[in-house]
C-alpha atoms as a PDB file:
ATOM      1  CA  MET A   1     154.000 149.641  29.293  1.00  0.00           C
ATOM      2  CA  ARG A   2     155.609 147.195  31.836  1.00  0.00           C
ATOM      3  CA  THR A   3     153.939 149.971  34.520  1.00  0.00           C
ATOM      4  CA  ARG A   4     150.600 149.880  33.481  1.00  0.00           C
ATOM      5  CA  ARG A   5     151.031 145.878  32.854  1.00  0.00           C
ATOM      6  CA  THR A   6     152.103 145.579  36.752  1.00  0.00           C
ATOM      7  CA  ARG A   7     149.106 147.675  37.843  1.00  0.00           C
ATOM      8  CA  ARG A   8     146.452 145.733  35.873  1.00  0.00           C
ATOM      9  CA  THR A   9     147.957 142.989  37.247  1.00  0.00           C
ATOM     10  CA  ILE A  10     147.873 144.165  41.138  1.00  0.00           C
ATOM     11  CA  ARG A  11     144.004 145.574  40.565  1.00  0.00           C
ATOM     12  CA  SER A  12     143.119 141.797  38.968  1.00  0.00           C
ATOM     13  CA  LYS A  13     144.442 140.122  42.206  1.00  0.00           C
ATOM     14  CA  VAL A  14     143.088 142.597  44.728  1.00  0.00           C
ATOM     15  CA  ILE A  15     139.582 141.810  43.049  1.00  0.00           C
ATOM     16  CA  LEU A  16     139.865 138.372  43.034  1.00  0.00           C
ATOM     17  CA  GLY A  17     140.993 138.659  46.719  1.00  0.00           C
ATOM     18  CA  VAL A  18     138.178 140.524  47.800  1.00  0.00           C
ATOM     19  CA  ALA A  19     135.578 138.283  45.700  1.00  0.00           C
ATOM     20  CA  PHE A  20     137.132 135.125  47.438  1.00  0.00           C
ATOM     21  CA  VAL A  21     136.997 136.521  50.806  1.00  0.00           C
ATOM     22  CA  LEU A  22     133.250 137.608  50.480  1.00  0.00           C
ATOM     23  CA  ILE A  23     132.398 134.234  48.807  1.00  0.00           C
ATOM     24  CA  ALA A  24     134.422 132.535  51.906  1.00  0.00           C
ATOM     25  CA  ALA A  25     131.916 134.325  54.457  1.00  0.00           C
ATOM     26  CA  LEU A  26     128.907 133.796  52.772  1.00  0.00           C
ATOM     27  CA  VAL A  27     129.792 129.656  52.687  1.00  0.00           C
ATOM     28  CA  ILE A  28     130.847 130.367  56.487  1.00  0.00           C
ATOM     29  CA  TRP A  29     127.278 132.437  57.426  1.00  0.00           C
ATOM     30  CA  THR A  30     125.146 129.434  55.831  1.00  0.00           C
ATOM     31  CA  SER A  31     126.740 127.002  57.581  1.00  0.00           C
ATOM     32  CA  ILE A  32     126.241 128.303  60.958  1.00  0.00           C
ATOM     33  CA  ASP A  33     122.723 129.218  60.245  1.00  0.00           C
ATOM     34  CA  SER A  34     122.104 125.421  58.997  1.00  0.00           C
ATOM     35  CA  ILE A  35     123.440 124.300  62.361  1.00  0.00           C
ATOM     36  CA  SER A  36     121.543 126.576  64.665  1.00  0.00           C
ATOM     37  CA  ALA A  37     118.094 125.385  62.485  1.00  0.00           C
ATOM     38  CA  ASP A  38     119.573 121.973  62.483  1.00  0.00           C
ATOM     39  CA  THR A  39     119.798 122.326  66.872  1.00  0.00           C
ATOM     40  CA  LYS A  40     116.399 124.334  67.138  1.00  0.00           C
ATOM     41  CA  THR A  41     114.934 121.356  65.412  1.00  0.00           C
ATOM     42  CA  GLU A  42     116.573 118.630  67.504  1.00  0.00           C
ATOM     43  CA  THR A  43     115.183 120.020  70.909  1.00  0.00           C
ATOM     44  CA  LYS A  44     111.492 119.756  70.064  1.00  0.00           C
ATOM     45  CA  PRO A  45     111.169 115.981  70.252  1.00  0.00           C
ATOM     46  CA  ALA A  46     112.854 115.754  73.673  1.00  0.00           C
ATOM     47  CA  ASP A  47     109.823 118.072  75.246  1.00  0.00           C
ATOM     48  CA  THR A  48     106.931 116.067  73.856  1.00  0.00           C
ATOM     49  CA  PRO A  49     106.958 113.162  75.955  1.00  0.00           C
ATOM     50  CA  THR A  50     107.065 115.395  79.125  1.00  0.00           C
ATOM     51  CA  ALA A  51     103.850 116.893  77.700  1.00  0.00           C
ATOM     52  CA  THR A  52     101.994 113.454  77.129  1.00  0.00           C
ATOM     53  CA  SER A  53     103.507 111.324  80.106  1.00  0.00           C
ATOM     54  CA  ALA A  54     100.797 111.861  82.466  1.00  0.00           C
ATOM     55  CA  ALA A  55      98.076 110.111  80.789  1.00  0.00           C
ATOM     56  CA  THR A  56      98.958 106.324  79.487  1.00  0.00           C
ATOM     57  CA  PRO A  57      96.373 104.250  77.632  1.00  0.00           C
ATOM     58  CA  ASP A  58      95.774 101.918  80.852  1.00  0.00           C
ATOM     59  CA  THR A  59      95.178 105.121  82.823  1.00  0.00           C
ATOM     60  CA  LYS A  60      92.558 106.538  80.402  1.00  0.00           C
ATOM     61  CA  ALA A  61      90.568 103.113  80.317  1.00  0.00           C
ATOM     62  CA  ASP A  62      90.344 102.830  84.207  1.00  0.00           C
ATOM     63  CA  THR A  63      87.017 104.054  85.497  1.00  0.00           C
ATOM     64  CA  GLU A  64      87.550 101.582  88.413  1.00  0.00           C
ATOM     65  CA  LEU A  65      87.353 102.944  92.196  1.00  0.00           C
ATOM     66  CA  PRO A  66      89.949 102.221  94.378  1.00  0.00           C
ATOM     67  CA  LYS A  67      88.594 100.040  97.180  1.00  0.00           C
ATOM     68  CA  ILE A  68      89.158 100.983 100.757  1.00  0.00           C
ATOM     69  CA  THR A  69      88.512  98.313 103.306  1.00  0.00           C
ATOM     70  CA  GLY A  70      89.107  98.202 107.439  1.00  0.00           C
ATOM     71  CA  VAL A  71      86.737 101.578 107.924  1.00  0.00           C
ATOM     72  CA  LYS A  72      85.133 101.052 111.166  1.00  0.00           C
ATOM     73  CA  ASN A  73      83.713 103.235 113.893  1.00  0.00           C
ATOM     74  CA  LEU A  74      85.801 104.361 116.700  1.00  0.00           C
ATOM     75  CA  THR A  75      84.616 105.072 120.513  1.00  0.00           C
ATOM     76  CA  VAL A  76      87.364 106.716 122.447  1.00  0.00           C
ATOM     77  CA  PHE A  77      87.858 108.726 125.704  1.00  0.00           C
ATOM     78  CA  ILE A  78      88.897 112.286 126.054  1.00  0.00           C
ATOM     79  CA  GLY A  79      92.596 113.023 125.665  1.00  0.00           C
ATOM     80  CA  ASP A  80      93.219 109.539 123.998  1.00  0.00           C
ATOM     81  CA  ARG A  81      95.129 109.824 120.889  1.00  0.00           C
ATOM     82  CA  VAL A  82      93.951 108.141 117.676  1.00  0.00           C
ATOM     83  CA  SER A  83      95.594 106.271 114.646  1.00  0.00           C
ATOM     84  CA  TYR A  84      92.881 106.624 111.994  1.00  0.00           C
ATOM     85  CA  LYS A  85      94.904 104.452 109.373  1.00  0.00           C
ATOM     86  CA  THR A  86      95.838 101.655 111.572  1.00  0.00           C
ATOM     87  CA  GLY A  87      93.764  98.747 109.699  1.00  0.00           C
ATOM     88  CA  VAL A  88      92.656 100.549 106.954  1.00  0.00           C
ATOM     89  CA  THR A  89      93.796  99.599 103.481  1.00  0.00           C
ATOM     90  CA  VAL A  90      93.614 100.544  99.922  1.00  0.00           C
ATOM     91  CA  LYS A  91      93.778  98.490  96.933  1.00  0.00           C
ATOM     92  CA  ASP A  92      93.287  99.707  93.091  1.00  0.00           C
ATOM     93  CA  ASN A  93      92.965  97.809  89.908  1.00  0.00           C
ATOM     94  CA  HIS A  94      95.950 100.054  88.202  1.00  0.00           C
ATOM     95  CA  ASP A  95      98.001 101.762  90.595  1.00  0.00           C
ATOM     96  CA  THR A  96     100.087  99.655  93.431  1.00  0.00           C
ATOM     97  CA  ASN A  97     100.528 102.545  96.242  1.00  0.00           C
ATOM     98  CA  VAL A  98      97.408 104.854  96.186  1.00  0.00           C
ATOM     99  CA  ALA A  99      97.456 107.422  99.247  1.00  0.00           C
ATOM    100  CA  LEU A 100      94.993 107.173 101.962  1.00  0.00           C
ATOM    101  CA  VAL A 101      93.856 110.605 103.110  1.00  0.00           C
ATOM    102  CA  VAL A 102      91.792 110.952 106.453  1.00  0.00           C
ATOM    103  CA  ASP A 103      89.437 113.961 106.917  1.00  0.00           C
ATOM    104  CA  THR A 104      88.928 114.457 110.835  1.00  0.00           C
ATOM    105  CA  SER A 105      88.826 118.447 110.473  1.00  0.00           C
ATOM    106  CA  GLY A 106      85.426 117.766 112.454  1.00  0.00           C
ATOM    107  CA  VAL A 107      86.493 115.635 115.042  1.00  0.00           C
ATOM    108  CA  ASN A 108      87.576 117.206 118.867  1.00  0.00           C
ATOM    109  CA  LEU A 109      89.064 114.707 120.661  1.00  0.00           C
ATOM    110  CA  LYS A 110      88.594 117.155 124.121  1.00  0.00           C
ATOM    111  CA  LYS A 111      85.262 117.231 123.892  1.00  0.00           C
ATOM    112  CA  VAL A 112      81.937 114.668 123.979  1.00  0.00           C
ATOM    113  CA  GLY A 113      80.174 113.842 121.061  1.00  0.00           C
ATOM    114  CA  VAL A 114      79.901 112.091 118.346  1.00  0.00           C
ATOM    115  CA  TYR A 115      81.652 113.083 114.919  1.00  0.00           C
ATOM    116  CA  ASN A 116      82.127 112.054 111.407  1.00  0.00           C
ATOM    117  CA  ILE A 117      85.395 111.167 109.640  1.00  0.00           C
ATOM    118  CA  THR A 118      86.141 110.994 105.392  1.00  0.00           C
ATOM    119  CA  TYR A 119      88.115 108.559 104.139  1.00  0.00           C
ATOM    120  CA  MET A 120      89.141 109.174 100.220  1.00  0.00           C
ATOM    121  CA  ALA A 121      91.573 107.722  98.220  1.00  0.00           C
ATOM    122  CA  LYS A 122      92.227 108.472  94.544  1.00  0.00           C
ATOM    123  CA  ASP A 123      94.341 106.878  91.739  1.00  0.00           C
ATOM    124  CA  ALA A 124      96.175 107.921  88.675  1.00  0.00           C
ATOM    125  CA  ALA A 125      93.103 108.337  86.388  1.00  0.00           C
ATOM    126  CA  GLY A 126      91.381 110.220  88.938  1.00  0.00           C
ATOM    127  CA  ASN A 127      89.072 107.837  90.393  1.00  0.00           C
ATOM    128  CA  VAL A 128      88.164 108.862  93.880  1.00  0.00           C
ATOM    129  CA  ALA A 129      86.572 106.509  96.765  1.00  0.00           C
ATOM    130  CA  GLN A 130      85.459 107.528  99.863  1.00  0.00           C
ATOM    131  CA  ALA A 131      84.400 105.777 102.792  1.00  0.00           C
ATOM    132  CA  GLU A 132      82.652 107.399 105.999  1.00  0.00           C
ATOM    133  CA  ALA A 133      82.623 106.549 109.799  1.00  0.00           C
ATOM    134  CA  LYS A 134      82.128 108.082 113.075  1.00  0.00           C
ATOM    135  CA  VAL A 135      84.101 108.804 116.309  1.00  0.00           C
ATOM    136  CA  THR A 136      82.496 108.543 119.696  1.00  0.00           C
ATOM    137  CA  VAL A 137      84.561 110.491 122.073  1.00  0.00           C
ATOM    138  CA  LYS A 138      83.395 110.118 125.829  1.00  0.00           C
ATOM    139  CA  VAL A 139      84.521 110.781 129.452  1.00  0.00           C
ATOM    140  CA  LYS A 140      86.698 107.676 130.978  1.00  0.00           C
ATOM    141  CA  PRO A 141      84.871 106.170 133.156  1.00  0.00           C
ATOM    142  CA  ALA A 142      86.631 105.800 136.942  1.00  0.00           C
ATOM    143  CA  SER A 143      84.634 102.257 137.651  1.00  0.00           C
ATOM    144  CA  PRO A 144      86.768  99.615 139.442  1.00  0.00           C
ATOM    145  CA  LEU A 145      87.664  96.481 137.771  1.00  0.00           C
ATOM    146  CA  ASN A 146      84.475  94.278 137.709  1.00  0.00           C
ATOM    147  CA  GLU A 147      85.915  90.544 137.439  1.00  0.00           C
ATOM    148  CA  ASP A 148      82.339  88.767 136.962  1.00  0.00           C
ATOM    149  CA  GLU A 149      81.863  91.577 134.315  1.00  0.00           C
ATOM    150  CA  LEU A 150      85.072  90.605 132.287  1.00  0.00           C
ATOM    151  CA  ASN A 151      84.680  87.249 132.564  1.00  0.00           C
ATOM    152  CA  LYS A 152      80.870  87.466 131.191  1.00  0.00           C
ATOM    153  CA  LEU A 153      82.147  89.636 128.757  1.00  0.00           C
ATOM    154  CA  ALA A 154      84.799  87.117 127.163  1.00  0.00           C
ATOM    155  CA  ASP A 155      82.519  83.996 127.922  1.00  0.00           C
ATOM    156  CA  THR A 156      80.241  85.739 125.622  1.00  0.00           C
ATOM    157  CA  VAL A 157      82.387  86.377 122.877  1.00  0.00           C
ATOM    158  CA  LEU A 158      83.739  82.688 122.864  1.00  0.00           C
ATOM    159  CA  ALA A 159      80.340  81.280 122.835  1.00  0.00           C
ATOM    160  CA  LYS A 160      79.896  83.187 119.349  1.00  0.00           C
ATOM    161  CA  ILE A 161      83.050  82.526 117.764  1.00  0.00           C
ATOM    162  CA  VAL A 162      84.320  78.504 119.387  1.00  0.00           C
ATOM    163  CA  THR A 163      82.705  75.505 119.323  1.00  0.00           C
ATOM    164  CA  GLU A 164      83.852  72.365 121.123  1.00  0.00           C
ATOM    165  CA  ASP A 165      84.541  70.379 117.617  1.00  0.00           C
ATOM    166  CA  MET A 166      87.431  72.866 116.945  1.00  0.00           C
ATOM    167  CA  THR A 167      91.039  72.197 117.345  1.00  0.00           C
ATOM    168  CA  GLU A 168      93.429  74.308 119.787  1.00  0.00           C
ATOM    169  CA  VAL A 169      94.860  76.333 116.723  1.00  0.00           C
ATOM    170  CA  ASP A 170      91.073  76.510 115.171  1.00  0.00           C
ATOM    171  CA  LYS A 171      90.108  77.832 118.237  1.00  0.00           C
ATOM    172  CA  LEU A 172      92.976  80.209 118.598  1.00  0.00           C
ATOM    173  CA  TRP A 173      92.956  81.730 114.965  1.00  0.00           C
ATOM    174  CA  ALA A 174      89.326  82.661 115.911  1.00  0.00           C
ATOM    175  CA  ILE A 175      90.070  84.581 118.675  1.00  0.00           C
ATOM    176  CA  PHE A 176      93.210  86.033 116.778  1.00  0.00           C
ATOM    177  CA  LYS A 177      90.722  86.947 114.123  1.00  0.00           C
ATOM    178  CA  TRP A 178      87.839  88.192 116.733  1.00  0.00           C
ATOM    179  CA  THR A 179      90.570  90.222 118.315  1.00  0.00           C
ATOM    180  CA  LYS A 180      92.412  91.592 115.533  1.00  0.00           C
ATOM    181  CA  TYR A 181      89.151  93.035 113.513  1.00  0.00           C
ATOM    182  CA  ASN A 182      86.774  94.082 116.560  1.00  0.00           C
ATOM    183  CA  ILE A 183      89.347  96.573 118.046  1.00  0.00           C
ATOM    184  CA  GLY A 184      90.179  99.712 116.678  1.00  0.00           C
ATOM    185  CA  TYR A 185      93.528 101.202 117.289  1.00  0.00           C
ATOM    186  CA  VAL A 186      94.077 104.014 119.552  1.00  0.00           C
ATOM    187  CA  ASP A 187      97.255 104.958 120.839  1.00  0.00           C
ATOM    188  CA  SER A 188      96.306 105.155 124.602  1.00  0.00           C
ATOM    189  CA  SER A 189      95.336 102.945 127.413  1.00  0.00           C
ATOM    190  CA  SER A 190      96.928 101.961 131.032  1.00  0.00           C
ATOM    191  CA  HIS A 191      99.665  99.842 130.847  1.00  0.00           C
ATOM    192  CA  THR A 192      99.198  98.953 134.615  1.00  0.00           C
ATOM    193  CA  ASP A 193      96.618  96.011 134.974  1.00  0.00           C
ATOM    194  CA  TRP A 194      96.070  93.560 131.757  1.00  0.00           C
ATOM    195  CA  ARG A 195      92.484  92.892 132.875  1.00  0.00           C
ATOM    196  CA  LYS A 196      91.558  96.616 132.946  1.00  0.00           C
ATOM    197  CA  GLY A 197      93.135  96.448 129.128  1.00  0.00           C
ATOM    198  CA  ALA A 198      91.236  93.535 128.600  1.00  0.00           C
ATOM    199  CA  LEU A 199      87.808  95.300 130.126  1.00  0.00           C
ATOM    200  CA  GLN A 200      88.337  98.416 127.427  1.00  0.00           C
ATOM    201  CA  GLY A 201      88.558  95.471 124.361  1.00  0.00           C
ATOM    202  CA  PHE A 202      85.683  94.145 125.254  1.00  0.00           C
ATOM    203  CA  LYS A 203      83.571  97.687 126.447  1.00  0.00           C
ATOM    204  CA  GLN A 204      85.076 100.138 124.440  1.00  0.00           C
ATOM    205  CA  GLY A 205      86.216  98.517 121.510  1.00  0.00           C
ATOM    206  CA  THR A 206      89.532 100.755 121.204  1.00  0.00           C
ATOM    207  CA  GLY A 207      92.778 100.772 122.106  1.00  0.00           C
ATOM    208  CA  ASP A 208      96.831 100.319 122.007  1.00  0.00           C
ATOM    209  CA  CYS A 209      98.833  97.094 121.729  1.00  0.00           C
ATOM    210  CA  PHE A 210      98.316  96.520 125.516  1.00  0.00           C
ATOM    211  CA  VAL A 211      94.572  96.046 125.264  1.00  0.00           C
ATOM    212  CA  TYR A 212      94.570  93.813 121.741  1.00  0.00           C
ATOM    213  CA  TYR A 213      97.366  91.731 123.915  1.00  0.00           C
ATOM    214  CA  ALA A 214      95.335  91.758 127.013  1.00  0.00           C
ATOM    215  CA  THR A 215      92.163  91.114 125.130  1.00  0.00           C
ATOM    216  CA  ALA A 216      93.343  87.844 123.384  1.00  0.00           C
ATOM    217  CA  LYS A 217      95.084  86.598 126.746  1.00  0.00           C
ATOM    218  CA  MET A 218      91.646  87.165 128.591  1.00  0.00           C
ATOM    219  CA  LEU A 219      89.944  85.114 125.929  1.00  0.00           C
ATOM    220  CA  MET A 220      92.642  82.410 125.570  1.00  0.00           C
ATOM    221  CA  GLU A 221      92.996  82.022 129.534  1.00  0.00           C
ATOM    222  CA  ARG A 222      88.974  81.319 129.608  1.00  0.00           C
ATOM    223  CA  SER A 223      89.386  79.075 127.124  1.00  0.00           C
ATOM    224  CA  GLY A 224      91.892  76.968 128.714  1.00  0.00           C
ATOM    225  CA  PHE A 225      94.804  77.664 127.094  1.00  0.00           C
ATOM    226  CA  GLU A 226      98.466  78.584 128.980  1.00  0.00           C
ATOM    227  CA  THR A 227      99.733  82.236 128.329  1.00  0.00           C
ATOM    228  CA  GLN A 228     102.622  84.136 128.717  1.00  0.00           C
ATOM    229  CA  THR A 229     103.504  88.112 128.879  1.00  0.00           C
ATOM    230  CA  VAL A 230     106.242  89.231 126.577  1.00  0.00           C
ATOM    231  CA  ILE A 231     107.186  92.520 126.484  1.00  0.00           C
ATOM    232  CA  ARG A 232     109.578  94.514 124.045  1.00  0.00           C
ATOM    233  CA  ASP A 233     111.402  96.571 126.287  1.00  0.00           C
ATOM    234  CA  LYS A 234     114.413  97.260 124.345  1.00  0.00           C
ATOM    235  CA  GLY A 235     115.158  98.421 120.562  1.00  0.00           C
ATOM    236  CA  ARG A 236     112.767 100.888 120.867  1.00  0.00           C
ATOM    237  CA  LYS A 237     111.646 103.949 122.135  1.00  0.00           C
ATOM    238  CA  THR A 238     107.747 102.365 123.132  1.00  0.00           C
ATOM    239  CA  LYS A 239     107.073  99.568 124.568  1.00  0.00           C
ATOM    240  CA  HIS A 240     105.132  96.588 122.668  1.00  0.00           C
ATOM    241  CA  PHE A 241     103.256  93.445 124.304  1.00  0.00           C
ATOM    242  CA  TRP A 242     102.001  90.512 122.770  1.00  0.00           C
ATOM    243  CA  SER A 243     101.308  86.695 124.359  1.00  0.00           C
ATOM    244  CA  LEU A 244     103.248  83.495 124.082  1.00  0.00           C
ATOM    245  CA  VAL A 245     100.524  80.496 123.995  1.00  0.00           C
ATOM    246  CA  LYS A 246     101.188  76.612 124.686  1.00  0.00           C
ATOM    247  CA  VAL A 247      99.961  74.434 121.961  1.00  0.00           C
ATOM    248  CA  GLY A 248      99.862  71.156 122.705  1.00  0.00           C
ATOM    249  CA  ASP A 249     103.486  70.857 124.572  1.00  0.00           C
ATOM    250  CA  ALA A 250     104.846  73.432 122.716  1.00  0.00           C
ATOM    251  CA  TRP A 251     104.994  77.494 123.009  1.00  0.00           C
ATOM    252  CA  TYR A 252     104.336  80.087 120.146  1.00  0.00           C
ATOM    253  CA  HIS A 253     103.868  83.692 120.143  1.00  0.00           C
ATOM    254  CA  PHE A 254     100.624  85.148 119.332  1.00  0.00           C
ATOM    255  CA  ASP A 255     100.144  88.822 118.135  1.00  0.00           C
ATOM    256  CA  THR A 256      96.920  90.372 117.504  1.00  0.00           C
ATOM    257  CA  THR A 257      97.781  94.039 117.084  1.00  0.00           C
ATOM    258  CA  PRO A 258      97.976  94.901 113.624  1.00  0.00           C
ATOM    259  CA  THR A 259     100.810  94.572 111.423  1.00  0.00           C
ATOM    260  CA  ILE A 260     101.499  95.788 107.704  1.00  0.00           C
ATOM    261  CA  LYS A 261     102.090  91.919 107.126  1.00  0.00           C
ATOM    262  CA  LYS A 262      98.255  91.020 107.146  1.00  0.00           C
ATOM    263  CA  ASN A 263      97.795  87.382 109.821  1.00  0.00           C
ATOM    264  CA  THR A 264     101.659  87.048 110.115  1.00  0.00           C
ATOM    265  CA  THR A 265     101.919  87.467 113.775  1.00  0.00           C
ATOM    266  CA  PHE A 266      99.638  84.000 114.393  1.00  0.00           C
ATOM    267  CA  LEU A 267     101.472  81.399 116.317  1.00  0.00           C
ATOM    268  CA  LEU A 268     104.731  82.425 115.200  1.00  0.00           C
ATOM    269  CA  THR A 269     108.054  80.470 115.929  1.00  0.00           C
ATOM    270  CA  ASP A 270     110.966  82.568 117.684  1.00  0.00           C
ATOM    271  CA  ALA A 271     112.958  82.007 114.396  1.00  0.00           C
ATOM    272  CA  GLU A 272     110.214  83.597 112.022  1.00  0.00           C
ATOM    273  CA  LEU A 273     109.813  86.842 114.622  1.00  0.00           C
ATOM    274  CA  ALA A 274     113.594  87.085 114.138  1.00  0.00           C
ATOM    275  CA  LEU A 275     112.764  87.248 110.299  1.00  0.00           C
ATOM    276  CA  PHE A 276     110.403  89.913 110.919  1.00  0.00           C
ATOM    277  CA  ASN A 277     112.549  92.078 112.949  1.00  0.00           C
ATOM    278  CA  LYS A 278     115.032  92.123 109.959  1.00  0.00           C
ATOM    279  CA  GLN A 279     111.785  93.777 107.904  1.00  0.00           C
ATOM    280  CA  PHE A 280     110.630  96.334 110.794  1.00  0.00           C
ATOM    281  CA  LYS A 281     113.917  96.774 112.667  1.00  0.00           C
ATOM    282  CA  ASN A 282     113.560  95.422 116.274  1.00  0.00           C
ATOM    283  CA  TYR A 283     109.861  95.271 116.574  1.00  0.00           C
ATOM    284  CA  TYR A 284     110.078  91.961 118.093  1.00  0.00           C
ATOM    285  CA  LEU A 285     113.104  92.327 120.308  1.00  0.00           C
ATOM    286  CA  PHE A 286     112.798  90.880 123.538  1.00  0.00           C
ATOM    287  CA  ASP A 287     114.012  88.816 126.586  1.00  0.00           C
ATOM    288  CA  LYS A 288     114.401  85.023 125.452  1.00  0.00           C
ATOM    289  CA  THR A 289     115.924  84.296 129.009  1.00  0.00           C
ATOM    290  CA  LYS A 290     112.736  85.438 130.430  1.00  0.00           C
ATOM    291  CA  HIS A 291     110.381  82.914 127.986  1.00  0.00           C
ATOM    292  CA  PRO A 292     110.840  78.927 126.764  1.00  0.00           C
ATOM    293  CA  ALA A 293     112.020  78.525 123.207  1.00  0.00           C
ATOM    294  CA  THR A 294     109.557  77.870 121.011  1.00  0.00           C
ATOM    295  CA  PRO A 295     109.869  74.582 118.149  1.00  0.00           C
ATOM    296  CA  THR A 296     112.395  75.462 115.256  1.00  0.00           C
ATOM    297  CA  LYS A 297     110.234  74.580 112.714  1.00  0.00           C
ATOM    298  CA  PRO A 298     106.536  76.438 112.449  1.00  0.00           C
ATOM    299  CA  LEU A 299     103.659  74.834 113.431  1.00  0.00           C
ATOM    300  CA  ASN A 300     102.122  73.002 110.014  1.00  0.00           C
ATOM    301  CA  GLU A 301      98.236  73.288 111.214  1.00  0.00           C
ATOM    302  CA  ARG A 302      98.318  77.374 111.350  1.00  0.00           C
ATOM    303  CA  SER A 303      99.541  77.225 107.307  1.00  0.00           C
ATOM    304  CA  LYS A 304      95.879  77.235 106.141  1.00  0.00           C
ATOM    305  CA  TYR A 305      95.103  80.142 107.928  1.00  0.00           C
ATOM    306  CA  LEU A 306      97.962  82.139 106.667  1.00  0.00           C
ATOM    307  CA  LYS A 307      96.868  83.446 103.032  1.00  0.00           C
END
């Protein structure tokens, strides 16, 4: 009897053990499946913003085109290198940095002719603005400098922009504005004679910093101002030209070449030039021993033009 009871006891324990193992396995499998399902559910929200982040309420409602300004027709000589974007800006009612694309595929700077170029700007909402201009390519003339012609060209411009009742600063501002916005930037000119540079500015209406400097110098000196030529000849690979002009008994820097900071190169002090150098590394680095020092404080009268 004891043997039978012992066998029954052992059999019962084995059955209970197997049942316990099966139940434990079922519980573990259910838990793993639940964790897997939870993990899959949590990954979906992370993907959703990426799909919808391209469009915002602002961009969906934006129907206003970007505004392209500063586009002008250019006249260049065969072999010139042209900077098509200099002086051209893009503004948009929403985007702060809209890219400007210039299609110059139809321009041949090695052949005389008139070519079309297209400026295009596209904002985040898909609004596209376009502006057209022409590039006239000519053969560079070999004629000698004509002083009388140069003086006449300068006086013709001054007759349109300067009046006798203007202050010195008013006259200089008129010269600054005319030179800056009536010459298109191209990276080519001869730096041997500033009068030839001025002639190019008046007749061709294009040139590099030397042409901007020379044209403004001619206009200032024909208006009775005393000037000095300033050259950046260190700190950068290329030279840069501008003027010092005497206003009353003081000298100030005067640079009409287009820059990123609009109108900020009008009658600057040495200290203001130094601040510019910090923002645009060594842009106005020059030998101060060759030129008179400017006043330490900015010229108050010019402040109304720096807006």
